[in-house]
């Protein structure tokens, strides 16, 4: 029973109670009018019920013919069948042959509305990874160092567009209003237009002929892990690039505990500071982890919500530690520019959900090729994967970049 029918059923029951109440109160004329309304509601419900039954029978008929997935408690295409169908279709395209009709039907039934082509038809390149499999990839890339989870993510269905976001909404208060006086008009909300243009990111994974001939489940498991690692690395790199662009020329020196406090007490708006996190690399984390206050207490404390891992700065701000390969420290050179005197370790403080929006096309495509340089000779197959998204700065005041200066001994 759909929501509309459920709503009608509640109205019917309410109307029945109304008729009984009117009869008991001796209001016969009103009771008759209410009964007429009850009859109309019942007729609407019966019509919708008949349509619902017809649709169900139609679906069952398609299922029996093998042209649709089962519904309800009936047998349906499981993940194993989908994985096998998807891999078989990708292989068929690579081998330039027609895919099995049953595989195609399973694959099509798994596709969602977000797998539609872009305006220029570019989405038709390769085979779109179904949502069920894409979910596995997203699950695999979930980790503390996945920056995507800390920014605002908005799914989009077009290659380009714009969003209007209100600015300084919390900083515009109501005015005083005297008794019996007219309410003053407030300034119109200030909006910032954020435009996005989906960009294609991708790469090629080389597979041996032996792996290519493995089971569909093993091939997909291998691909999922590789795609998860690469898409996480790509999105992390783009988020860091936007962070650096937003904070360019406004970096602050972090030399002690007080300079860290200055960031959260003065550099960030209190509303932003309340929901802020700290992102740094291994070297920056090591510096923070060894800092002590005047009482000799370390300023990093265990996160009570993560007993086995995770620490908080000042017991309040979550620390996200990235690899030095992902987030590099900048070397400090001597006057001649030949000797490294020390390093500047980056540390970002702020609310990334307010600072950045990732516009996600929510589509991954994949295809195979053995004609690329070096593949044919080595009996290898190239797996080409395409990801589509864009990342844009929203509130440049929502994040502060600090630089921890550390001098090299000697």
Protein backbone atom coordinates (compact mmCIF):
# COMPACT_ATOMS: atom_id res chain seq x y z
CA UNK A 1 0.00 0.00 0.00
CA UNK A 2 1.51 3.33 -1.05
CA UNK A 3 1.53 6.55 1.00
CA UNK A 4 -1.43 8.05 -0.83
CA UNK A 5 -3.58 5.00 -0.07
CA UNK A 6 -2.47 5.00 3.56
CA UNK A 7 -3.48 8.65 3.84
CA UNK A 8 -6.89 7.93 2.31
CA UNK A 9 -7.40 5.01 4.69
CA UNK A 10 -6.79 7.29 7.68
CA UNK A 11 -9.24 9.84 6.26
CA UNK A 12 -11.86 7.12 5.79
CA UNK A 13 -11.53 5.96 9.39
CA UNK A 14 -11.70 9.56 10.64
CA UNK A 15 -14.79 10.22 8.52
CA UNK A 16 -16.49 7.06 9.87
CA UNK A 17 -15.92 8.28 13.42
CA UNK A 18 -17.28 11.70 12.42
CA UNK A 19 -20.49 10.14 11.03
CA UNK A 20 -21.04 8.12 14.21
CA UNK A 21 -20.46 11.18 16.38
CA UNK A 22 -22.92 13.30 14.38
CA UNK A 23 -25.59 10.56 14.58
CA UNK A 24 -25.13 10.28 18.32
CA UNK A 25 -25.53 14.04 18.63
CA UNK A 26 -28.74 13.95 16.64
CA UNK A 27 -27.29 15.98 13.76
CA UNK A 28 -28.82 13.87 11.00
CA UNK A 29 -28.36 16.28 8.10
CA UNK A 30 -24.67 16.77 8.84
CA UNK A 31 -24.27 13.03 9.32
CA UNK A 32 -25.74 12.42 5.83
CA UNK A 33 -23.35 14.96 4.28
CA UNK A 34 -20.42 13.37 6.08
CA UNK A 35 -21.50 9.93 4.86
CA UNK A 36 -21.55 11.22 1.27
CA UNK A 37 -17.97 12.43 1.76
CA UNK A 38 -17.11 9.03 3.24
CA UNK A 39 -18.52 7.30 0.16
CA UNK A 40 -16.39 9.53 -2.11
CA UNK A 41 -13.24 8.75 -0.11
CA UNK A 42 -14.01 5.04 -0.24
CA UNK A 43 -14.45 5.17 -4.03
CA UNK A 44 -11.06 6.92 -4.41
CA UNK A 45 -9.43 4.27 -2.24
CA UNK A 46 -11.04 1.42 -4.23
CA UNK A 47 -9.82 2.91 -7.53
CA UNK A 48 -6.26 3.27 -6.26
CA UNK A 49 -6.38 -0.22 -4.78
CA UNK A 50 -7.43 -1.67 -8.15
CA UNK A 51 -4.59 0.18 -9.88
CA UNK A 52 -2.12 -1.05 -7.29
CA UNK A 53 -3.27 -4.64 -7.83
CA UNK A 54 -2.99 -4.26 -11.61
CA UNK A 55 0.56 -2.90 -11.33
CA UNK A 56 1.53 -5.75 -9.02
CA UNK A 57 0.14 -8.34 -11.43
CA UNK A 58 1.97 -6.63 -14.30
CA UNK A 59 5.26 -6.77 -12.40
CA UNK A 60 4.72 -10.42 -11.50
CA UNK A 61 4.02 -11.17 -15.14
CA UNK A 62 7.29 -9.52 -16.16
CA UNK A 63 9.12 -11.46 -13.48
CA UNK A 64 7.73 -14.73 -14.75
CA UNK A 65 8.94 -13.82 -18.23
CA UNK A 66 12.36 -12.93 -16.84
CA UNK A 67 12.20 -9.26 -17.83
CA UNK A 68 12.11 -7.72 -14.35
CA UNK A 69 13.38 -8.22 -10.84
CA UNK A 70 11.22 -9.98 -8.26
CA UNK A 71 9.47 -7.90 -5.61
CA UNK A 72 8.55 -8.41 -2.00
CA UNK A 73 9.60 -11.76 -0.58
CA UNK A 74 10.15 -13.27 -4.02
CA UNK A 75 13.60 -14.16 -5.32
CA UNK A 76 15.49 -11.14 -6.64
CA UNK A 77 18.88 -10.33 -8.15
CA UNK A 78 21.40 -10.52 -5.33
CA UNK A 79 24.78 -8.79 -5.13
CA UNK A 80 26.58 -11.88 -6.40
CA UNK A 81 24.45 -11.96 -9.55
CA UNK A 82 24.95 -8.23 -10.09
CA UNK A 83 28.74 -8.48 -9.73
CA UNK A 84 28.86 -11.38 -12.17
CA UNK A 85 26.63 -9.55 -14.66
CA UNK A 86 28.62 -6.33 -14.41
CA UNK A 87 32.00 -8.00 -14.91
CA UNK A 88 30.63 -10.06 -17.80
CA UNK A 89 29.31 -6.92 -19.51
CA UNK A 90 32.64 -5.12 -19.12
CA UNK A 91 34.45 -8.17 -20.50
CA UNK A 92 32.01 -8.42 -23.40
CA UNK A 93 32.67 -4.82 -24.36
CA UNK A 94 36.40 -5.44 -24.19
CA UNK A 95 36.13 -8.57 -26.34
CA UNK A 96 33.81 -6.70 -28.75
CA UNK A 97 30.94 -9.13 -28.48
CA UNK A 98 27.30 -8.94 -27.49
CA UNK A 99 26.66 -9.23 -23.76
CA UNK A 100 24.36 -11.95 -22.46
CA UNK A 101 20.74 -10.72 -22.36
CA UNK A 102 20.25 -11.99 -18.80
CA UNK A 103 23.36 -10.11 -17.63
CA UNK A 104 22.15 -6.94 -19.36
CA UNK A 105 18.74 -7.19 -17.68
CA UNK A 106 20.29 -7.68 -14.23
CA UNK A 107 22.62 -4.74 -14.88
CA UNK A 108 19.86 -2.41 -16.13
CA UNK A 109 17.64 -3.21 -13.15
CA UNK A 110 20.49 -2.19 -10.83
CA UNK A 111 20.99 1.21 -12.45
CA UNK A 112 19.44 4.25 -10.79
CA UNK A 113 18.29 7.57 -12.19
CA UNK A 114 21.62 9.18 -11.35
CA UNK A 115 23.30 7.06 -14.03
CA UNK A 116 21.93 9.19 -16.87
CA UNK A 117 24.23 10.70 -19.52
CA UNK A 118 25.58 14.21 -19.24
CA UNK A 119 24.37 16.79 -21.72
CA UNK A 120 27.23 16.05 -24.08
CA UNK A 121 26.70 12.30 -23.86
CA UNK A 122 30.13 11.70 -22.32
CA UNK A 123 28.60 9.42 -19.71
CA UNK A 124 28.12 6.88 -22.47
CA UNK A 125 31.87 6.19 -22.41
CA UNK A 126 32.52 2.94 -20.58
CA UNK A 127 30.15 0.98 -18.38
CA UNK A 128 28.55 2.78 -15.44
CA UNK A 129 29.22 1.08 -12.10
CA UNK A 130 25.81 0.33 -10.47
CA UNK A 131 25.00 1.98 -7.17
CA UNK A 132 25.12 -1.30 -5.22
CA UNK A 133 28.73 -1.87 -6.28
CA UNK A 134 29.60 1.83 -5.96
CA UNK A 135 28.40 1.67 -2.36
CA UNK A 136 30.99 -1.03 -1.67
CA UNK A 137 33.69 1.27 -3.04
CA UNK A 138 32.49 4.16 -0.86
CA UNK A 139 32.52 1.88 2.18
CA UNK A 140 36.10 0.79 1.42
CA UNK A 141 37.38 4.37 1.25
CA UNK A 142 35.83 5.31 4.58
CA UNK A 143 38.64 5.93 7.02
CA UNK A 144 39.79 8.69 9.36
CA UNK A 145 42.04 10.14 6.66
CA UNK A 146 39.27 10.38 4.06
CA UNK A 147 38.69 14.15 3.88
CA UNK A 148 35.48 13.81 1.88
CA UNK A 149 33.57 12.98 5.06
CA UNK A 150 34.52 16.32 6.64
CA UNK A 151 33.35 18.61 3.81
CA UNK A 152 29.83 19.30 2.60
CA UNK A 153 28.91 16.86 -0.17
CA UNK A 154 26.07 17.62 -2.55
CA UNK A 155 24.93 15.19 -5.23
CA UNK A 156 24.24 16.77 -8.63
CA UNK A 157 22.80 15.44 -11.87
CA UNK A 158 24.17 18.01 -14.33
CA UNK A 159 27.67 18.80 -15.55
CA UNK A 160 27.52 22.39 -14.34
CA UNK A 161 25.32 24.65 -12.27
CA UNK A 162 25.23 27.02 -9.34
CA UNK A 163 23.97 27.23 -5.78
CA UNK A 164 23.06 30.37 -3.83
CA UNK A 165 24.23 30.16 -0.23
CA UNK A 166 23.26 32.72 2.42
CA UNK A 167 26.19 34.59 3.97
CA UNK A 168 26.38 35.97 7.53
CA UNK A 169 22.89 34.74 8.43
CA UNK A 170 23.87 34.28 12.07
CA UNK A 171 25.38 37.76 12.34
CA UNK A 172 22.27 39.73 11.35
CA UNK A 173 20.14 40.26 14.50
CA UNK A 174 16.54 41.40 14.89
CA UNK A 175 16.04 45.09 15.73
CA UNK A 176 14.21 46.50 18.77
CA UNK A 177 10.44 46.89 18.33
CA UNK A 178 8.45 49.27 20.56
CA UNK A 179 4.98 48.32 21.80
CA UNK A 180 2.32 48.78 19.09
CA UNK A 181 5.01 49.96 16.67
CA UNK A 182 5.52 48.65 13.16
CA UNK A 183 8.08 45.94 12.73
CA UNK A 184 11.08 47.22 10.76
CA UNK A 185 12.03 45.57 7.51
CA UNK A 186 15.25 43.62 7.72
CA UNK A 187 17.99 43.77 5.14
CA UNK A 188 17.52 41.27 2.40
CA UNK A 189 19.57 38.10 2.89
CA UNK A 190 22.98 38.21 1.28
CA UNK A 191 23.65 35.25 -0.94
CA UNK A 192 26.88 34.03 -2.44
CA UNK A 193 26.65 32.26 -5.78
CA UNK A 194 28.73 29.10 -5.88
CA UNK A 195 29.20 27.74 -9.38
CA UNK A 196 30.40 24.24 -10.13
CA UNK A 197 31.62 22.47 -13.25
CA UNK A 198 31.99 18.70 -12.98
CA UNK A 199 35.48 17.54 -13.89
CA UNK A 200 36.51 14.10 -15.06
CA UNK A 201 39.24 12.34 -13.11
CA UNK A 202 40.58 8.96 -14.04
CA UNK A 203 43.42 6.53 -14.48
CA UNK A 204 44.37 3.10 -15.77
CA UNK A 205 45.01 -0.03 -13.72
CA UNK A 206 47.04 -2.76 -15.43
CA UNK A 207 45.73 -6.29 -14.88
CA UNK A 208 47.52 -9.49 -15.73
CA UNK A 209 45.85 -11.97 -18.03
CA UNK A 210 45.65 -14.41 -15.10
CA UNK A 211 43.62 -11.99 -12.95
CA UNK A 212 41.43 -11.12 -15.91
CA UNK A 213 40.46 -14.81 -16.15
CA UNK A 214 39.69 -15.09 -12.42
CA UNK A 215 36.16 -15.27 -11.01
CA UNK A 216 33.92 -12.23 -11.30
CA UNK A 217 33.85 -11.87 -7.50
CA UNK A 218 37.65 -11.83 -7.25
CA UNK A 219 38.02 -9.38 -10.12
CA UNK A 220 35.44 -7.04 -8.60
CA UNK A 221 36.98 -7.26 -5.12
CA UNK A 222 40.38 -6.33 -6.54
CA UNK A 223 38.91 -3.47 -8.58
CA UNK A 224 36.86 -2.15 -5.66
CA UNK A 225 39.94 -1.84 -3.45
CA UNK A 226 41.95 -0.14 -6.17
CA UNK A 227 39.16 2.28 -7.12
CA UNK A 228 38.52 3.08 -3.44
CA UNK A 229 42.19 3.94 -2.86
CA UNK A 230 42.51 6.03 -6.01
CA UNK A 231 39.25 7.95 -5.62
CA UNK A 232 40.08 8.71 -1.99
CA UNK A 233 43.55 9.90 -2.90
CA UNK A 234 42.16 12.04 -5.74
CA UNK A 235 39.44 13.67 -3.65
CA UNK A 236 41.84 14.26 -0.76
CA UNK A 237 44.30 15.98 -3.11
CA UNK A 238 41.59 18.22 -4.57
CA UNK A 239 40.23 19.17 -1.13
CA UNK A 240 43.73 20.07 0.07
CA UNK A 241 44.30 22.11 -3.09
CA UNK A 242 41.15 24.13 -2.42
CA UNK A 243 42.15 24.60 1.24
CA UNK A 244 45.54 25.94 0.17
CA UNK A 245 43.92 28.30 -2.34
CA UNK A 246 41.48 29.61 0.29
CA UNK A 247 44.21 30.31 2.83
CA UNK A 248 46.99 31.48 0.50
CA UNK A 249 48.78 34.51 1.94
CA UNK A 250 46.89 34.25 5.26
CA UNK A 251 48.90 31.46 6.91
CA UNK A 252 49.64 31.97 10.60
CA UNK A 253 52.74 30.83 12.47
CA UNK A 254 52.19 28.14 15.10
CA UNK A 255 55.09 28.23 17.51
CA UNK A 256 53.49 27.39 20.86
CA UNK A 257 50.24 26.61 22.65
CA UNK A 258 49.15 30.24 22.74
CA UNK A 259 49.37 30.57 18.96
CA UNK A 260 47.04 27.56 18.68
CA UNK A 261 44.61 29.18 21.11
CA UNK A 262 44.72 32.38 19.05
CA UNK A 263 43.38 30.46 16.05
CA UNK A 264 40.33 29.12 17.88
CA UNK A 265 39.69 32.16 20.11
CA UNK A 266 40.31 34.91 17.54
CA UNK A 267 40.92 33.50 14.09
CA UNK A 268 37.65 31.59 13.83
CA UNK A 269 34.11 32.77 14.46
CA UNK A 270 32.80 31.18 17.70
CA UNK A 271 30.06 29.35 15.78
CA UNK A 272 32.69 27.91 13.43
CA UNK A 273 35.15 27.10 16.22
CA UNK A 274 32.48 25.09 18.05
CA UNK A 275 32.30 22.59 15.17
CA UNK A 276 35.92 22.73 14.04
CA UNK A 277 38.43 19.96 13.52
CA UNK A 278 42.22 19.97 13.05
CA UNK A 279 43.93 18.44 10.00
CA UNK A 280 47.69 17.95 9.90
CA UNK A 281 50.29 15.43 8.77
CA UNK A 282 52.35 12.95 10.78
CA UNK A 283 55.02 15.53 11.59
CA UNK A 284 52.49 18.14 12.66
CA UNK A 285 50.71 15.56 14.80
CA UNK A 286 54.01 14.55 16.40
CA UNK A 287 54.69 18.19 17.30
CA UNK A 288 51.24 18.62 18.85
CA UNK A 289 51.46 15.29 20.63
CA UNK A 290 54.56 16.41 22.52
CA UNK A 291 53.29 19.87 23.51
CA UNK A 292 52.60 20.40 27.23
CA UNK A 293 50.83 23.20 29.08
CA UNK A 294 52.27 25.12 32.03
CA UNK A 295 51.20 22.35 34.40
CA UNK A 296 53.09 19.74 32.40
CA UNK A 297 49.98 18.18 30.86
CA UNK A 298 49.93 17.14 27.21
CA UNK A 299 47.51 19.29 25.20
CA UNK A 300 46.31 16.30 23.18
CA UNK A 301 43.84 14.09 25.00
CA UNK A 302 42.18 10.80 24.15
CA UNK A 303 38.88 11.07 22.33
CA UNK A 304 36.31 9.43 24.67
CA UNK A 305 34.23 8.44 21.66
CA UNK A 306 37.16 6.51 20.17
CA UNK A 307 38.81 4.56 22.95
CA UNK A 308 41.31 2.73 20.76
CA UNK A 309 42.39 5.67 18.62
CA UNK A 310 41.91 9.35 18.04
CA UNK A 311 42.91 12.40 20.04
CA UNK A 312 41.46 15.82 20.74
CA UNK A 313 43.29 19.15 20.84
CA UNK A 314 42.58 20.86 24.18
CA UNK A 315 40.12 18.01 24.79
CA UNK A 316 37.74 19.60 22.27
CA UNK A 317 38.92 19.58 18.65
CA UNK A 318 39.27 16.31 16.76
CA UNK A 319 42.65 15.65 15.16
CA UNK A 320 42.75 14.18 11.66
CA UNK A 321 46.22 12.83 10.89
CA UNK A 322 47.26 12.46 7.25
CA UNK A 323 50.28 10.75 5.78
CA UNK A 324 53.28 12.93 4.94
CA UNK A 325 52.87 11.69 1.37
CA UNK A 326 49.32 13.03 1.24
CA UNK A 327 49.96 16.29 3.07
CA UNK A 328 53.56 17.37 2.60
CA UNK A 329 55.61 19.64 4.85
CA UNK A 330 57.40 22.53 3.14
CA UNK A 331 61.22 22.59 3.54
CA UNK A 332 62.95 25.69 4.89
CA UNK A 333 66.18 26.30 2.99
CA UNK A 334 69.24 28.31 3.95
CA UNK A 335 70.25 31.51 2.19
CA UNK A 336 71.97 29.62 -0.61
CA UNK A 337 68.90 27.47 -1.12
CA UNK A 338 70.87 24.24 -0.88
CA UNK A 339 70.60 23.08 2.74
CA UNK A 340 67.37 22.22 4.53
CA UNK A 341 67.24 24.10 7.84
CA UNK A 342 63.83 22.87 8.89
CA UNK A 343 60.23 22.30 7.84
CA UNK A 344 56.85 24.01 7.95
CA UNK A 345 54.20 21.47 8.87
CA UNK A 346 50.68 22.45 7.68
CA UNK A 347 47.80 22.47 10.15
CA UNK A 348 44.25 23.38 9.08
CA UNK A 349 41.77 24.43 11.75
CA UNK A 350 38.09 25.03 11.04
CA UNK A 351 34.74 23.60 9.95
CA UNK A 352 35.26 22.12 6.51
CA UNK A 353 31.52 21.55 5.98
CA UNK A 354 31.08 25.33 6.07
CA UNK A 355 34.26 26.00 4.12
CA UNK A 356 33.98 23.62 1.15
CA UNK A 357 31.35 21.88 -0.94
CA UNK A 358 32.08 18.81 -3.05
CA UNK A 359 29.63 18.54 -5.94
CA UNK A 360 29.45 14.82 -6.67
CA UNK A 361 28.11 13.47 -9.96
CA UNK A 362 27.74 10.11 -8.14
CA UNK A 363 28.84 8.17 -11.19
CA UNK A 364 31.85 5.95 -11.83
CA UNK A 365 32.44 4.40 -15.24
CA UNK A 366 34.82 1.63 -16.22
CA UNK A 367 36.05 -0.06 -19.38
CA UNK A 368 38.93 -2.27 -20.55
CA UNK A 369 41.61 -1.93 -23.19
CA UNK A 370 44.77 -3.82 -24.11
CA UNK A 371 45.94 -1.46 -26.86
CA UNK A 372 47.65 1.08 -24.62
CA UNK A 373 51.44 1.26 -24.72
CA UNK A 374 53.11 -1.68 -23.00
CA UNK A 375 49.95 -3.72 -22.43
CA UNK A 376 49.77 -5.97 -25.49
CA UNK A 377 53.43 -6.93 -25.28
CA UNK A 378 53.14 -7.92 -21.61
CA UNK A 379 49.85 -9.79 -21.97
CA UNK A 380 48.09 -7.27 -19.72
CA UNK A 381 44.73 -5.51 -19.76
CA UNK A 382 44.14 -1.90 -18.82
CA UNK A 383 41.16 -1.00 -16.63
CA UNK A 384 40.20 2.62 -17.18
CA UNK A 385 38.14 4.25 -14.41
CA UNK A 386 36.48 7.66 -14.54
CA UNK A 387 35.20 9.65 -11.57
CA UNK A 388 33.30 12.93 -11.89
CA UNK A 389 33.06 15.69 -9.27
CA UNK A 390 33.99 19.29 -8.51
CA UNK A 391 35.11 21.01 -5.31
CA UNK A 392 34.48 24.67 -4.59
CA UNK A 393 35.28 27.02 -1.68
CA UNK A 394 32.22 28.43 0.06
CA UNK A 395 33.24 30.28 3.24
CA UNK A 396 36.91 31.30 3.24
CA UNK A 397 36.60 32.48 6.84
CA UNK A 398 35.62 29.02 8.07
CA UNK A 399 39.17 27.65 8.04
CA UNK A 400 42.60 28.90 9.14
CA UNK A 401 45.87 27.42 7.95
CA UNK A 402 48.70 27.34 10.44
CA UNK A 403 52.34 26.48 9.85
CA UNK A 404 54.28 24.66 12.53
CA UNK A 405 57.94 25.58 12.14
CA UNK A 406 60.40 22.92 13.16
CA UNK A 407 64.16 23.41 12.94
CA UNK A 408 66.34 20.48 11.92
CA UNK A 409 68.95 19.61 14.57
CA UNK A 410 72.54 20.39 13.70
